[in-house]
């Protein structure tokens, strides 16, 4: 009986999370973008005040990164703006897809802009016969698969499945609407290797803490970081390229970032190369985050300390 009660409670919790998310996506599709951003600001403020644990994590991260450079008032403002940015990304993505189907002039203009911005990424993809594109949780990272598709870059994207299967199915539909292949993070290494061998590029978000990691610098502090991008770069001699899609003033206006390729040394020691490439990747991601701190996902416990010491695990 207890197991059944827990199962029912779990399903009710899933519905309680899914219904407002689904409603939010549908509302975002119908609202004018300016109104959607106003709603995003209200919801972002609600998240900031109603999620005390996440608020504490965000404020702690910002204080460490910007110690002495920003006042407490500025740090709290950045934390609130970060919450808004997260909600706005979901609204923008839903609105983008809805208007894309309708073929609105605003979307066509946005597509032309991002295609121009990511021309460098396409050139790198063709020259290297596949790249390892990485992006931090910054700006609107959910738009990058559509940007890559518009630029003509075939991608295999790794995404961590959500704990709520209903929400995961909803988000999966939005993510795969770009036409790119999205695979779960668990046991993804085989699919990533096959993609690189086939001349495709892969897309990763490597700025989350994990136990299967190495410890390297990120924004001035040691952070557990996945070695997978560096491992694949050394194994297949493909470059790591840091990309980002950040908002500019206005609506559906973005600034695209495409770093210079971070090439592995074919004659270098594999372990040393993995550390070097990971450090350079983190340095490049951190530079963009410092430029747009209000658009970063500070609520994640990026510098989490594990009781078991992380190690080089692939």
Protein backbone atom coordinates (compact mmCIF):
# COMPACT_ATOMS: atom_id res chain seq x y z
CA UNK A 1 0.00 0.00 0.00
CA UNK A 2 2.83 2.42 0.88
CA UNK A 3 4.50 1.80 -2.46
CA UNK A 4 1.25 2.53 -4.24
CA UNK A 5 0.80 5.75 -2.26
CA UNK A 6 4.31 6.87 -3.15
CA UNK A 7 3.66 6.05 -6.79
CA UNK A 8 0.48 8.12 -6.79
CA UNK A 9 2.28 10.98 -5.05
CA UNK A 10 5.05 10.79 -7.64
CA UNK A 11 2.57 10.99 -10.50
CA UNK A 12 0.76 13.90 -8.86
CA UNK A 13 4.07 15.69 -8.44
CA UNK A 14 4.90 15.09 -12.10
CA UNK A 15 1.55 16.56 -13.13
CA UNK A 16 2.01 19.51 -10.77
CA UNK A 17 5.32 20.29 -12.50
CA UNK A 18 4.16 19.48 -16.03
CA UNK A 19 0.88 21.43 -16.19
CA UNK A 20 2.32 24.91 -15.50
CA UNK A 21 5.30 24.19 -17.79
CA UNK A 22 3.03 23.06 -20.61
CA UNK A 23 0.74 26.03 -20.06
CA UNK A 24 3.74 28.33 -20.07
CA UNK A 25 4.94 27.01 -23.42
CA UNK A 26 1.48 27.37 -24.95
CA UNK A 27 1.08 30.89 -23.59
CA UNK A 28 4.54 31.82 -24.87
CA UNK A 29 3.60 30.64 -28.36
CA UNK A 30 0.54 32.92 -28.42
CA UNK A 31 1.84 36.01 -26.63
CA UNK A 32 3.67 38.81 -28.42
CA UNK A 33 7.35 38.48 -27.57
CA UNK A 34 7.41 41.73 -25.62
CA UNK A 35 4.57 40.47 -23.40
CA UNK A 36 6.31 37.09 -23.03
CA UNK A 37 9.41 38.85 -21.70
CA UNK A 38 7.30 40.77 -19.19
CA UNK A 39 5.84 37.46 -17.99
CA UNK A 40 9.38 36.03 -17.87
CA UNK A 41 10.49 38.85 -15.59
CA UNK A 42 7.58 38.19 -13.24
CA UNK A 43 8.24 34.44 -13.18
CA UNK A 44 11.98 34.98 -12.80
CA UNK A 45 11.36 37.20 -9.78
CA UNK A 46 9.05 34.52 -8.33
CA UNK A 47 11.73 31.85 -8.76
CA UNK A 48 14.29 34.09 -7.07
CA UNK A 49 12.14 34.63 -3.99
CA UNK A 50 10.40 31.23 -3.80
CA UNK A 51 13.47 29.00 -4.27
CA UNK A 52 15.71 29.97 -1.32
CA UNK A 53 18.22 27.13 -1.80
CA UNK A 54 18.82 28.03 -5.46
CA UNK A 55 18.99 31.71 -4.52
CA UNK A 56 21.68 30.98 -1.94
CA UNK A 57 23.69 28.96 -4.47
CA UNK A 58 23.45 31.73 -7.08
CA UNK A 59 24.49 34.45 -4.61
CA UNK A 60 27.35 32.32 -3.28
CA UNK A 61 28.67 31.63 -6.79
CA UNK A 62 28.47 35.29 -7.77
CA UNK A 63 30.20 36.43 -4.58
CA UNK A 64 33.12 34.08 -5.22
CA UNK A 65 33.51 35.00 -8.89
CA UNK A 66 33.09 38.76 -8.50
CA UNK A 67 34.62 39.26 -5.04
CA UNK A 68 35.85 42.85 -4.82
CA UNK A 69 34.66 43.65 -8.36
CA UNK A 70 30.92 44.06 -7.68
CA UNK A 71 28.92 45.34 -4.74
CA UNK A 72 26.43 43.18 -2.85
CA UNK A 73 23.62 45.13 -4.49
CA UNK A 74 25.03 44.40 -7.96
CA UNK A 75 25.45 40.73 -7.10
CA UNK A 76 21.83 40.41 -5.97
CA UNK A 77 20.68 42.17 -9.13
CA UNK A 78 22.70 39.70 -11.25
CA UNK A 79 21.12 36.76 -9.43
CA UNK A 80 17.60 38.09 -10.15
CA UNK A 81 18.49 38.75 -13.79
CA UNK A 82 19.85 35.22 -14.07
CA UNK A 83 16.47 33.82 -13.00
CA UNK A 84 14.75 35.98 -15.60
CA UNK A 85 17.21 34.84 -18.28
CA UNK A 86 16.43 31.18 -17.62
CA UNK A 87 12.67 31.68 -17.95
CA UNK A 88 13.09 33.98 -20.96
CA UNK A 89 15.08 31.29 -22.78
CA UNK A 90 12.17 28.85 -22.52
CA UNK A 91 9.67 31.47 -23.66
CA UNK A 92 11.90 32.57 -26.53
CA UNK A 93 12.38 29.01 -27.75
CA UNK A 94 8.65 28.27 -27.70
CA UNK A 95 7.91 31.56 -29.47
CA UNK A 96 10.70 30.99 -31.99
CA UNK A 97 9.32 27.59 -33.01
CA UNK A 98 5.73 28.83 -33.22
CA UNK A 99 6.68 31.81 -35.37
CA UNK A 100 9.02 29.64 -37.42
CA UNK A 101 6.05 27.50 -38.45
CA UNK A 102 4.08 30.64 -39.32
CA UNK A 103 7.03 32.03 -41.29
CA UNK A 104 6.93 35.47 -39.66
CA UNK A 105 9.16 38.22 -41.06
CA UNK A 106 10.70 38.77 -37.60
CA UNK A 107 11.82 35.15 -37.44
CA UNK A 108 13.20 35.21 -40.98
CA UNK A 109 15.28 38.26 -40.03
CA UNK A 110 16.52 36.53 -36.87
CA UNK A 111 17.44 33.42 -38.86
CA UNK A 112 19.41 35.47 -41.37
CA UNK A 113 21.26 37.20 -38.53
CA UNK A 114 22.30 34.01 -36.74
CA UNK A 115 23.24 32.32 -40.01
CA UNK A 116 25.67 35.15 -40.67
CA UNK A 117 27.01 35.04 -37.11
CA UNK A 118 27.69 31.30 -37.27
CA UNK A 119 29.27 31.24 -40.70
CA UNK A 120 32.63 30.80 -38.94
CA UNK A 121 31.28 27.69 -37.17
CA UNK A 122 30.25 26.19 -40.52
CA UNK A 123 33.70 26.87 -41.97
CA UNK A 124 35.37 25.20 -38.99
CA UNK A 125 33.04 22.21 -39.24
CA UNK A 126 33.88 21.69 -42.92
CA UNK A 127 37.62 22.23 -42.47
CA UNK A 128 37.92 19.82 -39.53
CA UNK A 129 35.35 17.31 -40.84
CA UNK A 130 33.46 17.69 -37.58
CA UNK A 131 33.98 19.78 -34.45
CA UNK A 132 33.30 19.40 -30.75
CA UNK A 133 31.09 22.42 -30.09
CA UNK A 134 30.67 23.29 -26.42
CA UNK A 135 28.58 26.00 -24.79
CA UNK A 136 27.99 27.10 -21.22
CA UNK A 137 24.48 27.48 -19.80
CA UNK A 138 24.47 31.08 -20.94
CA UNK A 139 22.04 33.24 -22.89
CA UNK A 140 19.71 31.04 -24.90
CA UNK A 141 21.61 27.79 -25.34
CA UNK A 142 18.40 26.05 -26.47
CA UNK A 143 18.48 28.03 -29.73
CA UNK A 144 21.92 26.77 -30.73
CA UNK A 145 20.66 23.54 -32.39
CA UNK A 146 18.42 25.66 -34.63
CA UNK A 147 21.30 28.02 -35.34
CA UNK A 148 23.50 25.07 -36.31
CA UNK A 149 20.78 23.59 -38.53
CA UNK A 150 20.26 26.97 -40.22
CA UNK A 151 24.01 27.18 -40.83
CA UNK A 152 24.04 23.67 -42.29
CA UNK A 153 25.96 21.95 -39.48
CA UNK A 154 24.74 18.40 -38.67
CA UNK A 155 24.91 17.94 -34.90
CA UNK A 156 24.55 15.19 -32.35
CA UNK A 157 23.58 16.86 -29.09
CA UNK A 158 23.93 15.43 -25.59
CA UNK A 159 21.26 16.43 -23.07
CA UNK A 160 20.69 15.25 -19.53
CA UNK A 161 17.15 13.81 -19.30
CA UNK A 162 14.87 15.55 -16.81
CA UNK A 163 13.74 13.61 -13.76
CA UNK A 164 10.09 14.28 -14.70
CA UNK A 165 9.29 12.07 -17.74
CA UNK A 166 6.36 14.28 -18.79
CA UNK A 167 8.54 17.37 -18.82
CA UNK A 168 11.32 15.45 -20.56
CA UNK A 169 8.95 14.41 -23.37
CA UNK A 170 7.78 18.02 -23.78
CA UNK A 171 11.30 19.44 -23.89
CA UNK A 172 12.49 16.63 -26.18
CA UNK A 173 9.84 17.60 -28.76
CA UNK A 174 11.08 21.18 -28.75
CA UNK A 175 14.73 20.18 -28.93
CA UNK A 176 14.33 17.73 -31.81
CA UNK A 177 12.22 20.20 -33.83
CA UNK A 178 15.55 21.55 -35.13
CA UNK A 179 16.10 18.26 -36.97
CA UNK A 180 19.28 17.56 -34.98
CA UNK A 181 19.83 14.26 -33.16
CA UNK A 182 19.44 14.58 -29.38
CA UNK A 183 20.75 11.74 -27.22
CA UNK A 184 20.66 11.22 -23.43
CA UNK A 185 23.82 11.86 -21.43
CA UNK A 186 23.98 8.31 -20.04
CA UNK A 187 26.14 6.02 -22.22
CA UNK A 188 26.41 8.73 -24.88
CA UNK A 189 30.11 8.24 -25.65
CA UNK A 190 29.47 5.51 -28.27
CA UNK A 191 27.08 7.74 -30.25
CA UNK A 192 29.45 10.69 -30.04
CA UNK A 193 32.35 8.64 -31.36
CA UNK A 194 30.22 7.33 -34.22
CA UNK A 195 29.13 10.88 -35.09
CA UNK A 196 32.72 12.13 -35.26
CA UNK A 197 33.79 9.17 -37.38
CA UNK A 198 30.93 10.00 -39.77
CA UNK A 199 32.12 13.61 -40.15
CA UNK A 200 29.39 15.16 -38.02
CA UNK A 201 29.87 17.65 -35.23
CA UNK A 202 28.73 17.16 -31.66
CA UNK A 203 27.26 19.61 -29.15
CA UNK A 204 27.91 19.51 -25.39
CA UNK A 205 27.18 21.65 -22.33
CA UNK A 206 30.21 20.83 -20.16
CA UNK A 207 29.86 23.47 -17.42
CA UNK A 208 27.98 21.30 -14.91
CA UNK A 209 29.62 19.71 -11.88
CA UNK A 210 30.04 15.94 -11.99
CA UNK A 211 31.90 13.24 -10.08
CA UNK A 212 33.22 11.67 -13.29
CA UNK A 213 35.54 14.59 -13.83
CA UNK A 214 38.88 16.26 -13.51
CA UNK A 215 39.54 19.33 -11.39
CA UNK A 216 40.56 22.40 -13.40
CA UNK A 217 40.13 26.16 -13.06
CA UNK A 218 36.81 27.74 -14.01
CA UNK A 219 36.15 31.42 -13.36
CA UNK A 220 38.98 31.61 -10.85
CA UNK A 221 38.19 28.47 -8.82
CA UNK A 222 38.89 24.77 -9.19
CA UNK A 223 35.80 23.00 -10.54
CA UNK A 224 35.03 19.40 -11.42
CA UNK A 225 34.75 19.34 -15.21
CA UNK A 226 33.92 16.51 -17.59
CA UNK A 227 36.96 15.39 -19.62
CA UNK A 228 34.77 14.03 -22.47
CA UNK A 229 35.27 16.96 -24.93
CA UNK A 230 39.06 16.83 -24.47
CA UNK A 231 39.13 13.03 -24.63
CA UNK A 232 37.23 13.01 -27.94
CA UNK A 233 39.39 15.83 -29.29
CA UNK A 234 42.61 13.89 -28.61
CA UNK A 235 41.18 10.58 -29.81
CA UNK A 236 39.84 11.87 -33.15
CA UNK A 237 42.06 14.97 -33.59
CA UNK A 238 39.07 17.29 -33.79
CA UNK A 239 39.03 20.84 -32.42
CA UNK A 240 36.98 22.04 -29.47
CA UNK A 241 35.04 25.18 -30.40
CA UNK A 242 33.25 27.27 -27.76
CA UNK A 243 29.99 28.85 -28.93
CA UNK A 244 27.27 30.91 -27.26
CA UNK A 245 24.06 32.72 -28.16
CA UNK A 246 23.54 35.80 -25.97
CA UNK A 247 20.78 38.38 -26.00
CA UNK A 248 21.22 41.90 -27.29
CA UNK A 249 18.83 44.78 -26.56
CA UNK A 250 15.55 44.30 -28.38
CA UNK A 251 13.58 41.15 -29.14
CA UNK A 252 14.91 38.18 -31.09
CA UNK A 253 18.28 39.95 -31.23
CA UNK A 254 21.30 37.84 -30.35
CA UNK A 255 25.06 38.05 -30.37
CA UNK A 256 26.72 34.85 -31.46
CA UNK A 257 30.16 33.81 -30.22
CA UNK A 258 32.37 31.30 -32.00
CA UNK A 259 35.84 30.85 -30.52
CA UNK A 260 38.99 30.02 -32.40
CA UNK A 261 39.42 26.24 -32.57
CA UNK A 262 41.25 24.62 -29.65
CA UNK A 263 43.28 21.94 -31.41
CA UNK A 264 44.82 18.92 -29.68
CA UNK A 265 48.53 18.31 -30.06
CA UNK A 266 48.89 15.00 -31.98
CA UNK A 267 52.31 14.42 -30.42
CA UNK A 268 51.35 15.35 -26.86
CA UNK A 269 50.85 13.08 -23.88
CA UNK A 270 47.17 12.08 -23.84
CA UNK A 271 46.57 12.75 -20.14
CA UNK A 272 48.39 16.10 -20.24
CA UNK A 273 46.47 17.07 -23.36
CA UNK A 274 43.13 16.28 -21.72
CA UNK A 275 43.96 18.64 -18.85
CA UNK A 276 45.30 21.35 -21.17
CA UNK A 277 42.32 21.24 -23.54
CA UNK A 278 39.84 21.24 -20.66
CA UNK A 279 41.52 24.24 -19.07
CA UNK A 280 41.50 26.16 -22.36
CA UNK A 281 37.84 25.24 -22.91
CA UNK A 282 36.91 26.51 -19.44
CA UNK A 283 38.92 29.68 -19.95
CA UNK A 284 37.10 30.42 -23.20
CA UNK A 285 33.67 29.72 -21.70
CA UNK A 286 34.49 31.80 -18.63
CA UNK A 287 35.42 34.81 -20.77
CA UNK A 288 31.94 34.87 -22.33
CA UNK A 289 30.25 34.36 -18.96
CA UNK A 290 32.16 37.33 -17.53
CA UNK A 291 30.94 39.42 -20.45
CA UNK A 292 27.29 38.46 -19.89
CA UNK A 293 27.05 37.46 -16.20
CA UNK A 294 23.35 38.35 -16.01
CA UNK A 295 22.58 35.64 -18.57
CA UNK A 296 24.41 32.75 -16.85
CA UNK A 297 22.82 29.88 -14.92
CA UNK A 298 24.27 30.76 -11.53
CA UNK A 299 21.68 28.65 -9.67
CA UNK A 300 23.59 25.46 -10.44
CA UNK A 301 26.04 24.29 -7.74
CA UNK A 302 28.94 24.50 -10.18
CA UNK A 303 31.69 24.33 -7.55
CA UNK A 304 30.13 21.48 -5.59
CA UNK A 305 32.56 19.56 -3.37
CA UNK A 306 32.19 15.77 -3.53
CA UNK A 307 33.03 13.49 -0.62
CA UNK A 308 34.61 11.07 -3.09
CA UNK A 309 37.57 12.65 -4.86
CA UNK A 310 36.86 13.12 -8.59
CA UNK A 311 39.16 11.46 -11.06
CA UNK A 312 39.78 11.12 -14.77
CA UNK A 313 36.86 8.94 -15.80
CA UNK A 314 35.50 8.51 -19.34
